[in-house]
Amino acid sequence: MKIVVNLDVMLAKRNMRLNDLSEKVGISIQNLSILKTGKAKAMRFSTLALICEALDCQPGDLLEYLPE
């Protein structure tokens, strides 16, 4: 089972840079970059909620399940 974070896709759809998102949600660029590159092992719901609010999207827009 693999969960893919499509943060880069949503940033492109919203014409937003990672730096802009970092400022809006108060999360470091380094932590957002870990999410963006798929290297994150976990994500807090509060972080997910902040990102969804800033990008005006739903959690399903950011997360995708890929069966093995």
PDB file of N, CA and C in Angstrom:
ATOM      1  N   MET A   1       0.843  -1.175   0.000  1.00  0.00           N
ATOM      2  CA  MET A   1       0.000   0.000   0.000  1.00  0.00           C
ATOM      3  C   MET A   1       0.888   1.238   0.000  1.00  0.00           C
ATOM      4  N   LYS A   2       0.514   2.209  -0.800  1.00  0.00           N
ATOM      5  CA  LYS A   2       1.282   3.437  -0.880  1.00  0.00           C
ATOM      6  C   LYS A   2       0.337   4.626  -0.947  1.00  0.00           C
ATOM      7  N   ILE A   3       0.583   5.601  -0.077  1.00  0.00           N
ATOM      8  CA  ILE A   3      -0.178   6.847  -0.090  1.00  0.00           C
ATOM      9  C   ILE A   3       0.706   7.907  -0.743  1.00  0.00           C
ATOM     10  N   VAL A   4       0.192   8.547  -1.766  1.00  0.00           N
ATOM     11  CA  VAL A   4       0.928   9.575  -2.498  1.00  0.00           C
ATOM     12  C   VAL A   4       0.364  10.942  -2.114  1.00  0.00           C
ATOM     13  N   VAL A   5       1.243  11.884  -1.831  1.00  0.00           N
ATOM     14  CA  VAL A   5       0.839  13.255  -1.525  1.00  0.00           C
ATOM     15  C   VAL A   5       1.006  14.078  -2.795  1.00  0.00           C
ATOM     16  N   ASN A   6      -0.105  14.615  -3.287  1.00  0.00           N
ATOM     17  CA  ASN A   6      -0.105  15.392  -4.536  1.00  0.00           C
ATOM     18  C   ASN A   6      -0.045  16.891  -4.259  1.00  0.00           C
ATOM     19  N   LEU A   7       0.813  17.269  -3.340  1.00  0.00           N
ATOM     20  CA  LEU A   7       0.934  18.683  -2.977  1.00  0.00           C
ATOM     21  C   LEU A   7       1.430  19.510  -4.160  1.00  0.00           C
ATOM     22  N   ASP A   8       2.365  18.978  -4.913  1.00  0.00           N
ATOM     23  CA  ASP A   8       2.894  19.713  -6.056  1.00  0.00           C
ATOM     24  C   ASP A   8       1.816  19.979  -7.104  1.00  0.00           C
ATOM     25  N   VAL A   9       0.898  19.030  -7.278  1.00  0.00           N
ATOM     26  CA  VAL A   9      -0.193  19.197  -8.240  1.00  0.00           C
ATOM     27  C   VAL A   9      -1.120  20.330  -7.791  1.00  0.00           C
ATOM     28  N   MET A  10      -1.485  20.331  -6.512  1.00  0.00           N
ATOM     29  CA  MET A  10      -2.387  21.364  -6.004  1.00  0.00           C
ATOM     30  C   MET A  10      -1.718  22.741  -6.022  1.00  0.00           C
ATOM     31  N   LEU A  11      -0.428  22.796  -5.727  1.00  0.00           N
ATOM     32  CA  LEU A  11       0.283  24.072  -5.795  1.00  0.00           C
ATOM     33  C   LEU A  11       0.254  24.614  -7.219  1.00  0.00           C
ATOM     34  N   ALA A  12       0.464  23.746  -8.192  1.00  0.00           N
ATOM     35  CA  ALA A  12       0.441  24.175  -9.597  1.00  0.00           C
ATOM     36  C   ALA A  12      -0.950  24.645  -9.999  1.00  0.00           C
ATOM     37  N   LYS A  13      -1.988  23.926  -9.567  1.00  0.00           N
ATOM     38  CA  LYS A  13      -3.362  24.324  -9.901  1.00  0.00           C
ATOM     39  C   LYS A  13      -3.723  25.682  -9.310  1.00  0.00           C
ATOM     40  N   ARG A  14      -3.137  25.996  -8.157  1.00  0.00           N
ATOM     41  CA  ARG A  14      -3.443  27.257  -7.481  1.00  0.00           C
ATOM     42  C   ARG A  14      -2.423  28.353  -7.805  1.00  0.00           C
ATOM     43  N   ASN A  15      -1.473  28.039  -8.698  1.00  0.00           N
ATOM     44  CA  ASN A  15      -0.410  28.985  -9.052  1.00  0.00           C
ATOM     45  C   ASN A  15       0.272  29.534  -7.797  1.00  0.00           C
ATOM     46  N   MET A  16       0.624  28.626  -6.913  1.00  0.00           N
ATOM     47  CA  MET A  16       1.239  29.005  -5.648  1.00  0.00           C
ATOM     48  C   MET A  16       2.583  28.296  -5.519  1.00  0.00           C
ATOM     49  N   ARG A  17       3.523  28.983  -4.927  1.00  0.00           N
ATOM     50  CA  ARG A  17       4.845  28.396  -4.677  1.00  0.00           C
ATOM     51  C   ARG A  17       4.881  27.837  -3.268  1.00  0.00           C
ATOM     52  N   LEU A  18       5.831  26.958  -3.019  1.00  0.00           N
ATOM     53  CA  LEU A  18       5.993  26.352  -1.703  1.00  0.00           C
ATOM     54  C   LEU A  18       6.276  27.420  -0.650  1.00  0.00           C
ATOM     55  N   ASN A  19       7.026  28.453  -1.030  1.00  0.00           N
ATOM     56  CA  ASN A  19       7.318  29.550  -0.096  1.00  0.00           C
ATOM     57  C   ASN A  19       6.041  30.255   0.340  1.00  0.00           C
ATOM     58  N   ASP A  20       5.131  30.483  -0.609  1.00  0.00           N
ATOM     59  CA  ASP A  20       3.866  31.152  -0.307  1.00  0.00           C
ATOM     60  C   ASP A  20       3.020  30.304   0.636  1.00  0.00           C
ATOM     61  N   LEU A  21       2.959  29.012   0.368  1.00  0.00           N
ATOM     62  CA  LEU A  21       2.195  28.105   1.228  1.00  0.00           C
ATOM     63  C   LEU A  21       2.785  28.074   2.626  1.00  0.00           C
ATOM     64  N   SER A  22       4.094  28.053   2.707  1.00  0.00           N
ATOM     65  CA  SER A  22       4.772  28.048   4.004  1.00  0.00           C
ATOM     66  C   SER A  22       4.387  29.260   4.840  1.00  0.00           C
ATOM     67  N   GLU A  23       4.346  30.415   4.209  1.00  0.00           N
ATOM     68  CA  GLU A  23       3.964  31.641   4.916  1.00  0.00           C
ATOM     69  C   GLU A  23       2.504  31.603   5.359  1.00  0.00           C
ATOM     70  N   LYS A  24       1.627  31.067   4.517  1.00  0.00           N
ATOM     71  CA  LYS A  24       0.198  31.036   4.837  1.00  0.00           C
ATOM     72  C   LYS A  24      -0.128  30.092   5.988  1.00  0.00           C
ATOM     73  N   VAL A  25       0.531  28.940   6.026  1.00  0.00           N
ATOM     74  CA  VAL A  25       0.175  27.926   7.020  1.00  0.00           C
ATOM     75  C   VAL A  25       1.100  27.905   8.227  1.00  0.00           C
ATOM     76  N   GLY A  26       2.234  28.596   8.143  1.00  0.00           N
ATOM     77  CA  GLY A  26       3.152  28.625   9.273  1.00  0.00           C
ATOM     78  C   GLY A  26       3.922  27.332   9.468  1.00  0.00           C
ATOM     79  N   ILE A  27       4.158  26.623   8.384  1.00  0.00           N
ATOM     80  CA  ILE A  27       4.936  25.380   8.414  1.00  0.00           C
ATOM     81  C   ILE A  27       6.203  25.618   7.606  1.00  0.00           C
ATOM     82  N   SER A  28       7.320  25.125   8.111  1.00  0.00           N
ATOM     83  CA  SER A  28       8.592  25.401   7.453  1.00  0.00           C
ATOM     84  C   SER A  28       8.616  24.838   6.032  1.00  0.00           C
ATOM     85  N   ILE A  29       9.400  25.488   5.199  1.00  0.00           N
ATOM     86  CA  ILE A  29       9.565  25.039   3.814  1.00  0.00           C
ATOM     87  C   ILE A  29      10.157  23.635   3.787  1.00  0.00           C
ATOM     88  N   GLN A  30      11.048  23.345   4.716  1.00  0.00           N
ATOM     89  CA  GLN A  30      11.670  22.023   4.767  1.00  0.00           C
ATOM     90  C   GLN A  30      10.629  20.930   5.009  1.00  0.00           C
ATOM     91  N   ASN A  31       9.716  21.165   5.962  1.00  0.00           N
ATOM     92  CA  ASN A  31       8.678  20.165   6.239  1.00  0.00           C
ATOM     93  C   ASN A  31       7.707  20.029   5.084  1.00  0.00           C
ATOM     94  N   LEU A  32       7.343  21.124   4.457  1.00  0.00           N
ATOM     95  CA  LEU A  32       6.469  21.050   3.290  1.00  0.00           C
ATOM     96  C   LEU A  32       7.162  20.338   2.127  1.00  0.00           C
ATOM     97  N   SER A  33       8.455  20.558   1.987  1.00  0.00           N
ATOM     98  CA  SER A  33       9.218  19.897   0.935  1.00  0.00           C
ATOM     99  C   SER A  33       9.242  18.385   1.147  1.00  0.00           C
ATOM    100  N   ILE A  34       9.344  17.953   2.398  1.00  0.00           N
ATOM    101  CA  ILE A  34       9.309  16.520   2.707  1.00  0.00           C
ATOM    102  C   ILE A  34       7.964  15.929   2.290  1.00  0.00           C
ATOM    103  N   LEU A  35       6.887  16.657   2.545  1.00  0.00           N
ATOM    104  CA  LEU A  35       5.562  16.201   2.102  1.00  0.00           C
ATOM    105  C   LEU A  35       5.478  16.173   0.586  1.00  0.00           C
ATOM    106  N   LYS A  36       5.961  17.225  -0.040  1.00  0.00           N
ATOM    107  CA  LYS A  36       5.872  17.371  -1.491  1.00  0.00           C
ATOM    108  C   LYS A  36       6.628  16.268  -2.225  1.00  0.00           C
ATOM    109  N   THR A  37       7.768  15.885  -1.698  1.00  0.00           N
ATOM    110  CA  THR A  37       8.588  14.867  -2.372  1.00  0.00           C
ATOM    111  C   THR A  37       8.186  13.440  -2.018  1.00  0.00           C
ATOM    112  N   GLY A  38       7.202  13.290  -1.130  1.00  0.00           N
ATOM    113  CA  GLY A  38       6.733  11.949  -0.775  1.00  0.00           C
ATOM    114  C   GLY A  38       7.598  11.236   0.227  1.00  0.00           C
ATOM    115  N   LYS A  39       8.452  11.939   0.925  1.00  0.00           N
ATOM    116  CA  LYS A  39       9.347  11.313   1.898  1.00  0.00           C
ATOM    117  C   LYS A  39       8.770  11.295   3.315  1.00  0.00           C
ATOM    118  N   ALA A  40       7.612  11.911   3.491  1.00  0.00           N
ATOM    119  CA  ALA A  40       6.993  11.965   4.816  1.00  0.00           C
ATOM    120  C   ALA A  40       6.427  10.596   5.183  1.00  0.00           C
ATOM    121  N   LYS A  41       6.560  10.223   6.441  1.00  0.00           N
ATOM    122  CA  LYS A  41       6.015   8.965   6.938  1.00  0.00           C
ATOM    123  C   LYS A  41       4.663   9.176   7.612  1.00  0.00           C
ATOM    124  N   ALA A  42       4.366  10.416   7.996  1.00  0.00           N
ATOM    125  CA  ALA A  42       3.111  10.724   8.680  1.00  0.00           C
ATOM    126  C   ALA A  42       2.782  12.199   8.483  1.00  0.00           C
ATOM    127  N   MET A  43       1.505  12.520   8.716  1.00  0.00           N
ATOM    128  CA  MET A  43       1.071  13.912   8.648  1.00  0.00           C
ATOM    129  C   MET A  43      -0.035  14.091   9.680  1.00  0.00           C
ATOM    130  N   ARG A  44       0.056  15.138  10.464  1.00  0.00           N
ATOM    131  CA  ARG A  44      -0.989  15.422  11.441  1.00  0.00           C
ATOM    132  C   ARG A  44      -2.226  15.936  10.718  1.00  0.00           C
ATOM    133  N   PHE A  45      -3.387  15.617  11.275  1.00  0.00           N
ATOM    134  CA  PHE A  45      -4.630  16.124  10.699  1.00  0.00           C
ATOM    135  C   PHE A  45      -4.671  17.640  10.755  1.00  0.00           C
ATOM    136  N   SER A  46      -4.088  18.225  11.789  1.00  0.00           N
ATOM    137  CA  SER A  46      -4.077  19.692  11.888  1.00  0.00           C
ATOM    138  C   SER A  46      -3.256  20.299  10.749  1.00  0.00           C
ATOM    139  N   THR A  47      -2.163  19.656  10.382  1.00  0.00           N
ATOM    140  CA  THR A  47      -1.347  20.120   9.258  1.00  0.00           C
ATOM    141  C   THR A  47      -2.117  19.979   7.956  1.00  0.00           C
ATOM    142  N   LEU A  48      -2.772  18.849   7.792  1.00  0.00           N
ATOM    143  CA  LEU A  48      -3.577  18.608   6.595  1.00  0.00           C
ATOM    144  C   LEU A  48      -4.684  19.651   6.481  1.00  0.00           C
ATOM    145  N   ALA A  49      -5.325  19.971   7.603  1.00  0.00           N
ATOM    146  CA  ALA A  49      -6.398  20.967   7.600  1.00  0.00           C
ATOM    147  C   ALA A  49      -5.873  22.345   7.204  1.00  0.00           C
ATOM    148  N   LEU A  50      -4.706  22.729   7.720  1.00  0.00           N
ATOM    149  CA  LEU A  50      -4.117  24.027   7.375  1.00  0.00           C
ATOM    150  C   LEU A  50      -3.798  24.112   5.887  1.00  0.00           C
ATOM    151  N   ILE A  51      -3.236  23.046   5.347  1.00  0.00           N
ATOM    152  CA  ILE A  51      -2.885  23.022   3.929  1.00  0.00           C
ATOM    153  C   ILE A  51      -4.153  23.082   3.071  1.00  0.00           C
ATOM    154  N   CYS A  52      -5.172  22.315   3.456  1.00  0.00           N
ATOM    155  CA  CYS A  52      -6.433  22.327   2.703  1.00  0.00           C
ATOM    156  C   CYS A  52      -7.080  23.711   2.733  1.00  0.00           C
ATOM    157  N   GLU A  53      -7.018  24.366   3.879  1.00  0.00           N
ATOM    158  CA  GLU A  53      -7.588  25.710   3.979  1.00  0.00           C
ATOM    159  C   GLU A  53      -6.844  26.685   3.074  1.00  0.00           C
ATOM    160  N   ALA A  54      -5.520  26.624   3.096  1.00  0.00           N
ATOM    161  CA  ALA A  54      -4.705  27.548   2.305  1.00  0.00           C
ATOM    162  C   ALA A  54      -4.870  27.313   0.805  1.00  0.00           C
ATOM    163  N   LEU A  55      -5.046  26.051   0.418  1.00  0.00           N
ATOM    164  CA  LEU A  55      -5.164  25.718  -1.005  1.00  0.00           C
ATOM    165  C   LEU A  55      -6.618  25.607  -1.464  1.00  0.00           C
ATOM    166  N   ASP A  56      -7.559  25.815  -0.546  1.00  0.00           N
ATOM    167  CA  ASP A  56      -8.980  25.700  -0.842  1.00  0.00           C
ATOM    168  C   ASP A  56      -9.279  24.380  -1.547  1.00  0.00           C
ATOM    169  N   CYS A  57      -8.929  23.286  -0.860  1.00  0.00           N
ATOM    170  CA  CYS A  57      -9.134  21.960  -1.426  1.00  0.00           C
ATOM    171  C   CYS A  57      -9.574  20.990  -0.335  1.00  0.00           C
ATOM    172  N   GLN A  58      -9.854  19.771  -0.723  1.00  0.00           N
ATOM    173  CA  GLN A  58     -10.238  18.704   0.188  1.00  0.00           C
ATOM    174  C   GLN A  58      -9.046  17.771   0.393  1.00  0.00           C
ATOM    175  N   PRO A  59      -9.023  17.029   1.523  1.00  0.00           N
ATOM    176  CA  PRO A  59      -7.919  16.087   1.750  1.00  0.00           C
ATOM    177  C   PRO A  59      -7.735  15.104   0.595  1.00  0.00           C
ATOM    178  N   GLY A  60      -8.823  14.701  -0.027  1.00  0.00           N
ATOM    179  CA  GLY A  60      -8.738  13.779  -1.161  1.00  0.00           C
ATOM    180  C   GLY A  60      -8.062  14.363  -2.382  1.00  0.00           C
ATOM    181  N   ASP A  61      -8.003  15.690  -2.440  1.00  0.00           N
ATOM    182  CA  ASP A  61      -7.276  16.344  -3.535  1.00  0.00           C
ATOM    183  C   ASP A  61      -5.767  16.232  -3.330  1.00  0.00           C
ATOM    184  N   LEU A  62      -5.356  16.060  -2.079  1.00  0.00           N
ATOM    185  CA  LEU A  62      -3.930  15.999  -1.751  1.00  0.00           C
ATOM    186  C   LEU A  62      -3.397  14.590  -1.598  1.00  0.00           C
ATOM    187  N   LEU A  63      -4.253  13.675  -1.156  1.00  0.00           N
ATOM    188  CA  LEU A  63      -3.820  12.311  -0.852  1.00  0.00           C
ATOM    189  C   LEU A  63      -4.426  11.312  -1.832  1.00  0.00           C
ATOM    190  N   GLU A  64      -3.619  10.378  -2.259  1.00  0.00           N
ATOM    191  CA  GLU A  64      -4.065   9.343  -3.201  1.00  0.00           C
ATOM    192  C   GLU A  64      -3.537   7.989  -2.757  1.00  0.00           C
ATOM    193  N   TYR A  65      -4.385   6.990  -2.767  1.00  0.00           N
ATOM    194  CA  TYR A  65      -4.001   5.628  -2.410  1.00  0.00           C
ATOM    195  C   TYR A  65      -3.675   4.846  -3.666  1.00  0.00           C
ATOM    196  N   LEU A  66      -2.493   4.239  -3.687  1.00  0.00           N
ATOM    197  CA  LEU A  66      -2.089   3.390  -4.804  1.00  0.00           C
ATOM    198  C   LEU A  66      -1.833   1.980  -4.277  1.00  0.00           C
ATOM    199  N   PRO A  67      -2.642   1.009  -4.679  1.00  0.00           N
ATOM    200  CA  PRO A  67      -2.393  -0.363  -4.244  1.00  0.00           C
ATOM    201  C   PRO A  67      -1.118  -0.895  -4.892  1.00  0.00           C
ATOM    202  N   GLU A  68      -0.501  -1.827  -4.222  1.00  0.00           N
ATOM    203  CA  GLU A  68       0.761  -2.377  -4.751  1.00  0.00           C
ATOM    204  C   GLU A  68       0.493  -3.415  -5.813  1.00  0.00           C
TER     205      GLU A  68
END
